[in-house]
Amino acid sequence: MSLAEATKSMIDVLPESDVKVIYFVAKNMFDKESSPFKALTREQILGDLAISRRQVENGECDDFDEFMDKIGADYGI
């Protein structure tokens, strides 16, 4: 199951009120004024990438497919 399919499956079982909240939050993520995500500098991005690479080298990460399988099992999708 792809990430998009898993997301749709989760949304399909939610009440309409929760779906409206999800749409509102997703819409605001792309609004420059209200988005919780602010632009990063080149140095911040490279610093985060260095941390990520170090974590992968040290085995401090989860396998994506296993993670998605766990989410699917937790939510019955």
Protein backbone atom coordinates (compact mmCIF):
# COMPACT_ATOMS: atom_id res chain seq x y z
CA MET A 1 0.00 0.00 0.00
CA SER A 2 1.41 3.38 -0.94
CA LEU A 3 1.57 6.32 1.44
CA ALA A 4 -1.21 8.05 -0.50
CA GLU A 5 -3.41 4.96 -0.32
CA ALA A 6 -2.75 4.56 3.40
CA THR A 7 -3.56 8.22 4.02
CA LYS A 8 -6.80 7.97 2.04
CA SER A 9 -7.77 4.83 3.93
CA MET A 10 -7.32 6.63 7.25
CA ILE A 11 -9.28 9.66 6.08
CA ASP A 12 -12.11 7.46 4.78
CA VAL A 13 -12.87 6.18 8.29
CA LEU A 14 -12.78 9.57 10.04
CA PRO A 15 -15.88 11.60 10.86
CA GLU A 16 -16.53 14.59 8.58
CA SER A 17 -15.63 17.04 11.37
CA ASP A 18 -12.13 15.52 11.66
CA VAL A 19 -11.66 15.56 7.89
CA LYS A 20 -12.49 19.28 7.84
CA VAL A 21 -9.81 19.91 10.47
CA ILE A 22 -7.27 17.96 8.40
CA TYR A 23 -8.10 19.99 5.27
CA PHE A 24 -7.84 23.25 7.26
CA VAL A 25 -4.43 22.33 8.70
CA ALA A 26 -3.12 21.08 5.34
CA LYS A 27 -4.28 24.25 3.58
CA ASN A 28 -2.60 26.46 6.19
CA MET A 29 0.67 24.58 5.87
CA PHE A 30 1.16 26.27 2.51
CA ASP A 31 0.08 29.75 3.61
CA LYS A 32 3.23 31.79 4.29
CA GLU A 33 1.66 33.74 7.14
CA SER A 34 0.09 30.89 9.12
CA SER A 35 2.37 28.00 8.21
CA PRO A 36 4.19 26.43 11.16
CA PHE A 37 7.01 25.61 8.74
CA LYS A 38 9.40 28.49 8.20
CA ALA A 39 12.08 28.66 5.53
CA LEU A 40 15.44 27.27 6.58
CA THR A 41 18.84 28.63 5.66
CA ARG A 42 21.26 26.58 3.59
CA GLU A 43 23.36 26.04 6.72
CA GLN A 44 20.36 24.73 8.69
CA ILE A 45 19.44 22.30 5.92
CA LEU A 46 23.01 21.01 5.60
CA GLY A 47 23.27 20.70 9.39
CA ASP A 48 20.06 18.67 9.54
CA LEU A 49 21.28 16.50 6.66
CA ALA A 50 24.57 15.82 8.46
CA ILE A 51 22.65 14.75 11.58
CA SER A 52 20.40 12.48 9.51
CA ARG A 53 23.32 10.84 7.75
CA ARG A 54 25.05 10.23 11.07
CA GLN A 55 21.87 8.67 12.49
CA VAL A 56 21.53 6.36 9.48
CA GLU A 57 25.18 5.30 9.74
CA ASN A 58 24.64 4.50 13.45
CA GLY A 59 21.46 2.53 12.74
CA GLU A 60 19.33 5.06 14.62
CA CYS A 61 16.45 4.93 12.18
CA ASP A 62 13.40 2.83 11.44
CA ASP A 63 12.79 0.91 8.24
CA PHE A 64 10.12 2.83 6.30
CA ASP A 65 8.19 -0.25 5.16
CA GLU A 66 8.10 -1.67 8.69
CA PHE A 67 6.96 1.70 10.03
CA MET A 68 4.14 1.91 7.48
CA ASP A 69 3.10 -1.68 8.26
CA LYS A 70 2.89 -0.78 11.96
CA ILE A 71 0.75 2.28 11.23
CA GLY A 72 -1.50 0.13 9.05
CA ALA A 73 -1.86 -2.45 11.81
CA ASP A 74 -2.48 0.22 14.47
CA TYR A 75 -5.25 1.84 12.43
CA GLY A 76 -6.70 -1.27 10.84
CA ILE A 77 -5.86 -0.38 7.25
